[in-house]
Amino acid sequence: MLIDDLGELNGEVTVFGGPYSNIQALDALMATARGTLICTGDLVAYCGSPNAVIERIQESDVHLLAGNCEKQLAANALDCGCGFEDGTTCDLLSSAWYAYANAQVGADARAWMARLPDILTFTQLGRKTALLHGGITDVARFLWSVSPEQHFLEELDALNILCGDVDVVIAGHSGIAFEREIAGVRWINAGVIGMPPHDGTEQTEFLRISDIGEYCFERLSYDVDSAVKDMQGAGLTQGYHRTLSSGVWPSEGVLPQALRR
């Protein structure tokens, strides 16, 4: 695994996940972000502007992790690598948006994605933080606020082998922000900005770390109508285009029962 250490960070840190080809959400985030900017991966996914998102990130000073979507595109794979069960709604829906993204993203962007780190680390106010996408054992592992503690412990054991002891872990991938304490380690999911967190609102979410080390989830408003039009123009009308305005995912198949509506 490729590990990139950002060293000691002073000032604020903005952490966000999953732009998901939603250029409107990314532009809104960039307008409000402060301090050091870090993205937990999955630049390209459900929405209609994959190349615009890639270009905006490449032009910025955002520190980016490789998510499963970056890894799959870099490998010229034929699916997003989430491991959805064949024939399920999640599987069928992901096939549509991934096929579109796969047709849009060029060779130079894929080569760039192949060089992205798997883990980022930094220290702030004496606390060592490690950032990853889904998990260490599986980049596309879904960890939720209600997942068994053992699942987190497995990831912490794997992470400690690579990075030593850490005080904070910040992850992405699952799409819903949360915070838990696991064996004395603060485990935070920063959420994603490209899709609402299945809570019936248009707003998405990200994580702000203040210059005194306080952690705060913040909501992000953006031009939803334009993002929907981009999806419609790309032919991505299988269900996620409605999610941007309804705030409800088209399938709950990936969610634990406790998080379903």
C-alpha atoms as a PDB file:
ATOM      1  CA  MET A   1       0.000   0.000   0.000  1.00  0.00           C
ATOM      2  CA  LEU A   2       1.087   3.550  -0.725  1.00  0.00           C
ATOM      3  CA  ILE A   3       1.106   5.770   2.366  1.00  0.00           C
ATOM      4  CA  ASP A   4       1.542   9.537   2.134  1.00  0.00           C
ATOM      5  CA  ASP A   5       2.380  11.434   5.335  1.00  0.00           C
ATOM      6  CA  LEU A   6       1.324  15.089   5.315  1.00  0.00           C
ATOM      7  CA  GLY A   7       3.329  15.797   8.463  1.00  0.00           C
ATOM      8  CA  GLU A   8       2.257  18.301  11.110  1.00  0.00           C
ATOM      9  CA  LEU A   9      -0.798  20.312  10.085  1.00  0.00           C
ATOM     10  CA  ASN A  10      -1.531  23.681  11.619  1.00  0.00           C
ATOM     11  CA  GLY A  11      -4.834  25.480  11.210  1.00  0.00           C
ATOM     12  CA  GLU A  12      -8.126  24.095   9.964  1.00  0.00           C
ATOM     13  CA  VAL A  13      -8.617  20.892   7.990  1.00  0.00           C
ATOM     14  CA  THR A  14     -11.564  20.152   5.683  1.00  0.00           C
ATOM     15  CA  VAL A  15     -12.213  16.483   4.919  1.00  0.00           C
ATOM     16  CA  PHE A  16     -14.786  15.385   2.370  1.00  0.00           C
ATOM     17  CA  GLY A  17     -15.680  12.181   0.589  1.00  0.00           C
ATOM     18  CA  GLY A  18     -17.278  11.146  -2.658  1.00  0.00           C
ATOM     19  CA  PRO A  19     -17.791  14.045  -5.052  1.00  0.00           C
ATOM     20  CA  TYR A  20     -19.359  11.302  -7.202  1.00  0.00           C
ATOM     21  CA  SER A  21     -19.046  13.233 -10.515  1.00  0.00           C
ATOM     22  CA  ASN A  22     -21.183  16.006  -8.981  1.00  0.00           C
ATOM     23  CA  ILE A  23     -19.320  19.137 -10.078  1.00  0.00           C
ATOM     24  CA  GLN A  24     -21.905  21.455  -8.529  1.00  0.00           C
ATOM     25  CA  ALA A  25     -21.377  19.924  -5.088  1.00  0.00           C
ATOM     26  CA  LEU A  26     -17.603  20.017  -5.478  1.00  0.00           C
ATOM     27  CA  ASP A  27     -17.651  23.683  -6.500  1.00  0.00           C
ATOM     28  CA  ALA A  28     -19.821  24.515  -3.484  1.00  0.00           C
ATOM     29  CA  LEU A  29     -17.435  22.636  -1.189  1.00  0.00           C
ATOM     30  CA  MET A  30     -14.409  24.386  -2.617  1.00  0.00           C
ATOM     31  CA  ALA A  31     -16.099  27.744  -2.025  1.00  0.00           C
ATOM     32  CA  THR A  32     -16.606  27.009   1.683  1.00  0.00           C
ATOM     33  CA  ALA A  33     -13.550  24.865   2.460  1.00  0.00           C
ATOM     34  CA  ARG A  34     -10.810  26.264   4.687  1.00  0.00           C
ATOM     35  CA  GLY A  35      -7.304  25.206   5.571  1.00  0.00           C
ATOM     36  CA  THR A  36      -5.877  21.896   4.368  1.00  0.00           C
ATOM     37  CA  LEU A  37      -8.286  20.036   2.065  1.00  0.00           C
ATOM     38  CA  ILE A  38      -8.433  16.225   1.998  1.00  0.00           C
ATOM     39  CA  CYS A  39     -10.725  13.967  -0.029  1.00  0.00           C
ATOM     40  CA  THR A  40     -11.309  10.322   0.930  1.00  0.00           C
ATOM     41  CA  GLY A  41     -11.823   9.219  -2.684  1.00  0.00           C
ATOM     42  CA  ASP A  42     -14.546   8.283  -5.195  1.00  0.00           C
ATOM     43  CA  LEU A  43     -14.302  11.387  -7.340  1.00  0.00           C
ATOM     44  CA  VAL A  44     -16.196   9.629 -10.096  1.00  0.00           C
ATOM     45  CA  ALA A  45     -19.481   7.822  -9.522  1.00  0.00           C
ATOM     46  CA  TYR A  46     -23.233   8.391  -9.796  1.00  0.00           C
ATOM     47  CA  CYS A  47     -23.539  11.857 -11.323  1.00  0.00           C
ATOM     48  CA  GLY A  48     -23.048  13.383 -14.739  1.00  0.00           C
ATOM     49  CA  SER A  49     -19.737  15.300 -14.780  1.00  0.00           C
ATOM     50  CA  PRO A  50     -16.842  12.893 -14.119  1.00  0.00           C
ATOM     51  CA  ASN A  51     -14.204  14.720 -16.139  1.00  0.00           C
ATOM     52  CA  ALA A  52     -15.115  18.139 -14.767  1.00  0.00           C
ATOM     53  CA  VAL A  53     -14.662  16.796 -11.232  1.00  0.00           C
ATOM     54  CA  ILE A  54     -11.338  15.175 -12.089  1.00  0.00           C
ATOM     55  CA  GLU A  55     -10.035  18.372 -13.675  1.00  0.00           C
ATOM     56  CA  ARG A  56     -11.152  20.533 -10.757  1.00  0.00           C
ATOM     57  CA  ILE A  57      -9.363  18.308  -8.266  1.00  0.00           C
ATOM     58  CA  GLN A  58      -6.218  18.135 -10.406  1.00  0.00           C
ATOM     59  CA  GLU A  59      -6.127  21.933 -10.570  1.00  0.00           C
ATOM     60  CA  SER A  60      -6.559  22.275  -6.794  1.00  0.00           C
ATOM     61  CA  ASP A  61      -4.373  21.651  -3.754  1.00  0.00           C
ATOM     62  CA  VAL A  62      -6.665  18.892  -2.439  1.00  0.00           C
ATOM     63  CA  HIS A  63      -4.906  15.850  -0.991  1.00  0.00           C
ATOM     64  CA  LEU A  64      -6.685  12.830  -2.480  1.00  0.00           C
ATOM     65  CA  LEU A  65      -6.916   9.175  -1.492  1.00  0.00           C
ATOM     66  CA  ALA A  66      -7.626   6.376  -3.927  1.00  0.00           C
ATOM     67  CA  GLY A  67     -11.163   5.123  -3.480  1.00  0.00           C
ATOM     68  CA  ASN A  68     -12.477   1.944  -5.021  1.00  0.00           C
ATOM     69  CA  CYS A  69     -13.719   3.914  -8.045  1.00  0.00           C
ATOM     70  CA  GLU A  70     -10.246   5.335  -8.716  1.00  0.00           C
ATOM     71  CA  LYS A  71      -8.702   1.893  -8.339  1.00  0.00           C
ATOM     72  CA  GLN A  72     -11.211   0.256 -10.653  1.00  0.00           C
ATOM     73  CA  LEU A  73     -10.900   2.915 -13.355  1.00  0.00           C
ATOM     74  CA  ALA A  74      -7.104   2.816 -13.107  1.00  0.00           C
ATOM     75  CA  ALA A  75      -7.242  -0.952 -13.640  1.00  0.00           C
ATOM     76  CA  ASN A  76      -9.691  -0.624 -16.577  1.00  0.00           C
ATOM     77  CA  ALA A  77     -12.099  -2.805 -14.613  1.00  0.00           C
ATOM     78  CA  LEU A  78     -15.701  -3.245 -15.708  1.00  0.00           C
ATOM     79  CA  ASP A  79     -17.445  -2.470 -12.415  1.00  0.00           C
ATOM     80  CA  CYS A  80     -17.082  -0.138  -9.438  1.00  0.00           C
ATOM     81  CA  GLY A  81     -15.681  -2.817  -7.140  1.00  0.00           C
ATOM     82  CA  CYS A  82     -18.278  -2.372  -4.389  1.00  0.00           C
ATOM     83  CA  GLY A  83     -19.037  -6.087  -4.297  1.00  0.00           C
ATOM     84  CA  PHE A  84     -22.803  -5.762  -4.662  1.00  0.00           C
ATOM     85  CA  GLU A  85     -24.580  -9.094  -5.030  1.00  0.00           C
ATOM     86  CA  ASP A  86     -25.321  -9.893  -8.680  1.00  0.00           C
ATOM     87  CA  GLY A  87     -28.786  -8.866  -9.801  1.00  0.00           C
ATOM     88  CA  THR A  88     -29.585  -6.674  -6.796  1.00  0.00           C
ATOM     89  CA  THR A  89     -30.844  -3.133  -7.280  1.00  0.00           C
ATOM     90  CA  CYS A  90     -27.502  -1.721  -6.111  1.00  0.00           C
ATOM     91  CA  ASP A  91     -25.682  -3.921  -8.622  1.00  0.00           C
ATOM     92  CA  LEU A  92     -27.929  -2.932 -11.536  1.00  0.00           C
ATOM     93  CA  LEU A  93     -27.829   0.770 -10.720  1.00  0.00           C
ATOM     94  CA  SER A  94     -24.057   0.807 -10.297  1.00  0.00           C
ATOM     95  CA  SER A  95     -23.638  -0.912 -13.659  1.00  0.00           C
ATOM     96  CA  ALA A  96     -25.332   2.031 -15.378  1.00  0.00           C
ATOM     97  CA  TRP A  97     -23.354   4.874 -13.843  1.00  0.00           C
ATOM     98  CA  TYR A  98     -20.055   3.013 -13.926  1.00  0.00           C
ATOM     99  CA  ALA A  99     -20.466   2.246 -17.635  1.00  0.00           C
ATOM    100  CA  TYR A 100     -20.964   5.951 -18.289  1.00  0.00           C
ATOM    101  CA  ALA A 101     -17.930   6.943 -16.213  1.00  0.00           C
ATOM    102  CA  ASN A 102     -15.824   4.213 -17.772  1.00  0.00           C
ATOM    103  CA  ALA A 103     -16.612   5.568 -21.222  1.00  0.00           C
ATOM    104  CA  GLN A 104     -15.805   9.158 -20.237  1.00  0.00           C
ATOM    105  CA  VAL A 105     -12.557   8.950 -18.260  1.00  0.00           C
ATOM    106  CA  GLY A 106      -9.412   8.993 -20.393  1.00  0.00           C
ATOM    107  CA  ALA A 107      -6.074   7.230 -20.145  1.00  0.00           C
ATOM    108  CA  ASP A 108      -4.204  10.169 -18.584  1.00  0.00           C
ATOM    109  CA  ALA A 109      -6.728  10.457 -15.744  1.00  0.00           C
ATOM    110  CA  ARG A 110      -6.551   6.701 -15.131  1.00  0.00           C
ATOM    111  CA  ALA A 111      -2.762   6.815 -14.941  1.00  0.00           C
ATOM    112  CA  TRP A 112      -3.029   9.668 -12.431  1.00  0.00           C
ATOM    113  CA  MET A 113      -5.512   7.661 -10.370  1.00  0.00           C
ATOM    114  CA  ALA A 114      -3.121   4.700 -10.306  1.00  0.00           C
ATOM    115  CA  ARG A 115      -0.561   6.830  -8.467  1.00  0.00           C
ATOM    116  CA  LEU A 116      -2.878   7.980  -5.660  1.00  0.00           C
ATOM    117  CA  PRO A 117      -2.088   6.912  -2.086  1.00  0.00           C
ATOM    118  CA  ASP A 118      -4.119   4.300  -0.205  1.00  0.00           C
ATOM    119  CA  ILE A 119      -3.606   5.980   3.164  1.00  0.00           C
ATOM    120  CA  LEU A 120      -2.893   9.548   4.240  1.00  0.00           C
ATOM    121  CA  THR A 121      -1.578  10.445   7.668  1.00  0.00           C
ATOM    122  CA  PHE A 122      -1.052  13.707   9.500  1.00  0.00           C
ATOM    123  CA  THR A 123      -0.491  14.991  13.025  1.00  0.00           C
ATOM    124  CA  GLN A 124      -2.451  17.866  14.533  1.00  0.00           C
ATOM    125  CA  LEU A 125      -2.015  19.064  18.120  1.00  0.00           C
ATOM    126  CA  GLY A 126      -0.176  15.871  18.983  1.00  0.00           C
ATOM    127  CA  ARG A 127      -2.883  13.556  17.616  1.00  0.00           C
ATOM    128  CA  LYS A 128      -1.955  11.178  14.830  1.00  0.00           C
ATOM    129  CA  THR A 129      -4.683  10.787  12.221  1.00  0.00           C
ATOM    130  CA  ALA A 130      -4.922   8.195   9.461  1.00  0.00           C
ATOM    131  CA  LEU A 131      -7.292   8.603   6.518  1.00  0.00           C
ATOM    132  CA  LEU A 132      -8.513   5.719   4.391  1.00  0.00           C
ATOM    133  CA  HIS A 133     -11.370   5.042   2.000  1.00  0.00           C
ATOM    134  CA  GLY A 134     -13.475   2.098   3.164  1.00  0.00           C
ATOM    135  CA  GLY A 135     -11.119  -0.212   5.000  1.00  0.00           C
ATOM    136  CA  ILE A 136      -7.582  -1.526   4.975  1.00  0.00           C
ATOM    137  CA  THR A 137      -8.622  -5.146   4.464  1.00  0.00           C
ATOM    138  CA  ASP A 138     -10.942  -4.043   1.634  1.00  0.00           C
ATOM    139  CA  VAL A 139     -10.952  -0.571   0.091  1.00  0.00           C
ATOM    140  CA  ALA A 140     -14.683  -0.990  -0.549  1.00  0.00           C
ATOM    141  CA  ARG A 141     -15.628  -2.289   2.890  1.00  0.00           C
ATOM    142  CA  PHE A 142     -18.843  -0.756   4.190  1.00  0.00           C
ATOM    143  CA  LEU A 143     -18.550   0.307   7.822  1.00  0.00           C
ATOM    144  CA  TRP A 144     -21.578   1.970   9.390  1.00  0.00           C
ATOM    145  CA  SER A 145     -22.383   3.610  12.688  1.00  0.00           C
ATOM    146  CA  VAL A 146     -24.101   0.349  13.705  1.00  0.00           C
ATOM    147  CA  SER A 147     -21.489  -2.096  12.389  1.00  0.00           C
ATOM    148  CA  PRO A 148     -20.133  -4.640  14.909  1.00  0.00           C
ATOM    149  CA  GLU A 149     -17.142  -3.368  16.863  1.00  0.00           C
ATOM    150  CA  GLN A 150     -15.149  -6.372  15.668  1.00  0.00           C
ATOM    151  CA  HIS A 151     -15.261  -5.064  12.104  1.00  0.00           C
ATOM    152  CA  PHE A 152     -13.607  -1.829  13.201  1.00  0.00           C
ATOM    153  CA  LEU A 153     -11.057  -3.709  15.295  1.00  0.00           C
ATOM    154  CA  GLU A 154     -10.061  -5.757  12.250  1.00  0.00           C
ATOM    155  CA  GLU A 155      -9.378  -2.570  10.332  1.00  0.00           C
ATOM    156  CA  LEU A 156      -7.490  -0.979  13.215  1.00  0.00           C
ATOM    157  CA  ASP A 157      -5.264  -4.038  13.538  1.00  0.00           C
ATOM    158  CA  ALA A 158      -4.454  -3.900   9.819  1.00  0.00           C
ATOM    159  CA  LEU A 159      -3.896  -0.143   9.958  1.00  0.00           C
ATOM    160  CA  ASN A 160      -1.593  -0.350  12.978  1.00  0.00           C
ATOM    161  CA  ILE A 161       0.657  -2.809  11.156  1.00  0.00           C
ATOM    162  CA  LEU A 162       1.114  -0.253   8.393  1.00  0.00           C
ATOM    163  CA  CYS A 163       1.125   3.032  10.297  1.00  0.00           C
ATOM    164  CA  GLY A 164       1.641   2.255  13.968  1.00  0.00           C
ATOM    165  CA  ASP A 165      -0.780   3.431  16.622  1.00  0.00           C
ATOM    166  CA  VAL A 166      -3.147   6.231  15.650  1.00  0.00           C
ATOM    167  CA  ASP A 167      -5.489   8.420  17.656  1.00  0.00           C
ATOM    168  CA  VAL A 168      -8.026   9.181  14.935  1.00  0.00           C
ATOM    169  CA  VAL A 169      -9.208   7.389  11.790  1.00  0.00           C
ATOM    170  CA  ILE A 170     -11.178   9.257   9.130  1.00  0.00           C
ATOM    171  CA  ALA A 171     -12.848   7.197   6.413  1.00  0.00           C
ATOM    172  CA  GLY A 172     -15.346   7.587   3.585  1.00  0.00           C
ATOM    173  CA  HIS A 173     -17.058   5.224   1.125  1.00  0.00           C
ATOM    174  CA  SER A 174     -20.307   4.370   2.910  1.00  0.00           C
ATOM    175  CA  GLY A 175     -21.948   7.737   2.250  1.00  0.00           C
ATOM    176  CA  ILE A 176     -23.271   8.523   5.749  1.00  0.00           C
ATOM    177  CA  ALA A 177     -21.214  10.467   8.281  1.00  0.00           C
ATOM    178  CA  PHE A 178     -20.810   9.178  11.831  1.00  0.00           C
ATOM    179  CA  GLU A 179     -18.409   9.006  14.746  1.00  0.00           C
ATOM    180  CA  ARG A 180     -17.600   6.145  17.122  1.00  0.00           C
ATOM    181  CA  GLU A 181     -14.949   5.359  19.686  1.00  0.00           C
ATOM    182  CA  ILE A 182     -13.288   1.994  19.090  1.00  0.00           C
ATOM    183  CA  ALA A 183     -10.687   0.746  21.591  1.00  0.00           C
ATOM    184  CA  GLY A 184      -9.718   4.307  22.464  1.00  0.00           C
ATOM    185  CA  VAL A 185      -9.482   5.404  18.814  1.00  0.00           C
ATOM    186  CA  ARG A 186     -11.819   8.027  17.397  1.00  0.00           C
ATOM    187  CA  TRP A 187     -13.281   6.565  14.169  1.00  0.00           C
ATOM    188  CA  ILE A 188     -14.991   9.179  11.984  1.00  0.00           C
ATOM    189  CA  ASN A 189     -16.691   8.816   8.634  1.00  0.00           C
ATOM    190  CA  ALA A 190     -16.616  12.196   6.901  1.00  0.00           C
ATOM    191  CA  GLY A 191     -19.627  11.440   4.701  1.00  0.00           C
ATOM    192  CA  VAL A 192     -19.777  12.320   1.009  1.00  0.00           C
ATOM    193  CA  ILE A 193     -20.617  15.531  -0.825  1.00  0.00           C
ATOM    194  CA  GLY A 194     -21.965  14.101  -4.090  1.00  0.00           C
ATOM    195  CA  MET A 195     -25.093  12.387  -2.769  1.00  0.00           C
ATOM    196  CA  PRO A 196     -27.351  13.083   0.244  1.00  0.00           C
ATOM    197  CA  PRO A 197     -27.072  10.727   3.230  1.00  0.00           C
ATOM    198  CA  HIS A 198     -30.481   9.032   2.771  1.00  0.00           C
ATOM    199  CA  ASP A 199     -32.132  11.421   5.196  1.00  0.00           C
ATOM    200  CA  GLY A 200     -34.745  13.079   2.989  1.00  0.00           C
ATOM    201  CA  THR A 201     -32.844  16.326   2.427  1.00  0.00           C
ATOM    202  CA  GLU A 202     -30.937  17.732  -0.548  1.00  0.00           C
ATOM    203  CA  GLN A 203     -27.929  18.774   1.500  1.00  0.00           C
ATOM    204  CA  THR A 204     -24.839  16.593   1.688  1.00  0.00           C
ATOM    205  CA  GLU A 205     -22.187  16.568   4.405  1.00  0.00           C
ATOM    206  CA  PHE A 206     -18.494  16.876   5.156  1.00  0.00           C
ATOM    207  CA  LEU A 207     -16.125  17.194   8.133  1.00  0.00           C
ATOM    208  CA  ARG A 208     -14.446  20.305   9.447  1.00  0.00           C
ATOM    209  CA  ILE A 209     -11.571  20.111  11.950  1.00  0.00           C
ATOM    210  CA  SER A 210     -10.906  23.420  13.659  1.00  0.00           C
ATOM    211  CA  ASP A 211      -7.503  24.867  14.434  1.00  0.00           C
ATOM    212  CA  ILE A 212      -8.015  23.806  18.061  1.00  0.00           C
ATOM    213  CA  GLY A 213      -8.815  20.226  17.083  1.00  0.00           C
ATOM    214  CA  GLU A 214     -12.607  20.256  17.313  1.00  0.00           C
ATOM    215  CA  TYR A 215     -14.512  17.988  14.907  1.00  0.00           C
ATOM    216  CA  CYS A 216     -17.762  19.169  13.354  1.00  0.00           C
ATOM    217  CA  PHE A 217     -19.982  17.683  10.640  1.00  0.00           C
ATOM    218  CA  GLU A 218     -21.277  20.403   8.345  1.00  0.00           C
ATOM    219  CA  ARG A 219     -24.046  20.392   5.756  1.00  0.00           C
ATOM    220  CA  LEU A 220     -23.421  21.442   2.163  1.00  0.00           C
ATOM    221  CA  SER A 221     -25.957  23.175  -0.075  1.00  0.00           C
ATOM    222  CA  TYR A 222     -25.344  23.345  -3.821  1.00  0.00           C
ATOM    223  CA  ASP A 223     -27.135  23.777  -7.172  1.00  0.00           C
ATOM    224  CA  VAL A 224     -29.099  20.523  -7.162  1.00  0.00           C
ATOM    225  CA  ASP A 225     -31.181  21.373 -10.231  1.00  0.00           C
ATOM    226  CA  SER A 226     -28.075  21.789 -12.389  1.00  0.00           C
ATOM    227  CA  ALA A 227     -26.620  18.531 -11.109  1.00  0.00           C
ATOM    228  CA  VAL A 228     -29.861  16.709 -11.966  1.00  0.00           C
ATOM    229  CA  LYS A 229     -29.842  18.237 -15.468  1.00  0.00           C
ATOM    230  CA  ASP A 230     -26.277  17.019 -15.975  1.00  0.00           C
ATOM    231  CA  MET A 231     -27.374  13.493 -15.043  1.00  0.00           C
ATOM    232  CA  GLN A 232     -30.372  13.658 -17.347  1.00  0.00           C
ATOM    233  CA  GLY A 233     -28.179  14.914 -20.188  1.00  0.00           C
ATOM    234  CA  ALA A 234     -25.853  11.970 -19.625  1.00  0.00           C
ATOM    235  CA  GLY A 235     -28.755   9.514 -19.657  1.00  0.00           C
ATOM    236  CA  LEU A 236     -28.263   8.676 -15.975  1.00  0.00           C
ATOM    237  CA  THR A 237     -31.959   8.462 -15.159  1.00  0.00           C
ATOM    238  CA  GLN A 238     -32.088   5.066 -13.468  1.00  0.00           C
ATOM    239  CA  GLY A 239     -32.882   6.498 -10.025  1.00  0.00           C
ATOM    240  CA  TYR A 240     -30.000   8.392  -8.493  1.00  0.00           C
ATOM    241  CA  HIS A 241     -30.981  11.572 -10.333  1.00  0.00           C
ATOM    242  CA  ARG A 242     -34.113  11.657  -8.178  1.00  0.00           C
ATOM    243  CA  THR A 243     -32.046  11.059  -5.042  1.00  0.00           C
ATOM    244  CA  LEU A 244     -30.323  14.431  -5.418  1.00  0.00           C
ATOM    245  CA  SER A 245     -33.617  16.228  -4.823  1.00  0.00           C
ATOM    246  CA  SER A 246     -35.532  13.668  -2.739  1.00  0.00           C
ATOM    247  CA  GLY A 247     -32.658  12.869  -0.406  1.00  0.00           C
ATOM    248  CA  VAL A 248     -33.626   9.198  -0.476  1.00  0.00           C
ATOM    249  CA  TRP A 249     -31.490   6.461  -2.024  1.00  0.00           C
ATOM    250  CA  PRO A 250     -33.172   4.346  -4.736  1.00  0.00           C
ATOM    251  CA  SER A 251     -32.243   1.165  -2.878  1.00  0.00           C
ATOM    252  CA  GLU A 252     -31.566   0.343   0.763  1.00  0.00           C
ATOM    253  CA  GLY A 253     -29.989  -3.000  -0.099  1.00  0.00           C
ATOM    254  CA  VAL A 254     -26.523  -2.018   1.075  1.00  0.00           C
ATOM    255  CA  LEU A 255     -27.746  -0.518   4.366  1.00  0.00           C
ATOM    256  CA  PRO A 256     -27.993  -2.326   7.695  1.00  0.00           C
ATOM    257  CA  GLN A 257     -31.593  -2.755   8.797  1.00  0.00           C
ATOM    258  CA  ALA A 258     -31.174  -0.184  11.579  1.00  0.00           C
ATOM    259  CA  LEU A 259     -30.355   2.565   9.054  1.00  0.00           C
ATOM    260  CA  ARG A 260     -33.227   1.935   6.666  1.00  0.00           C
ATOM    261  CA  ARG A 261     -36.098   4.390   6.491  1.00  0.00           C
END
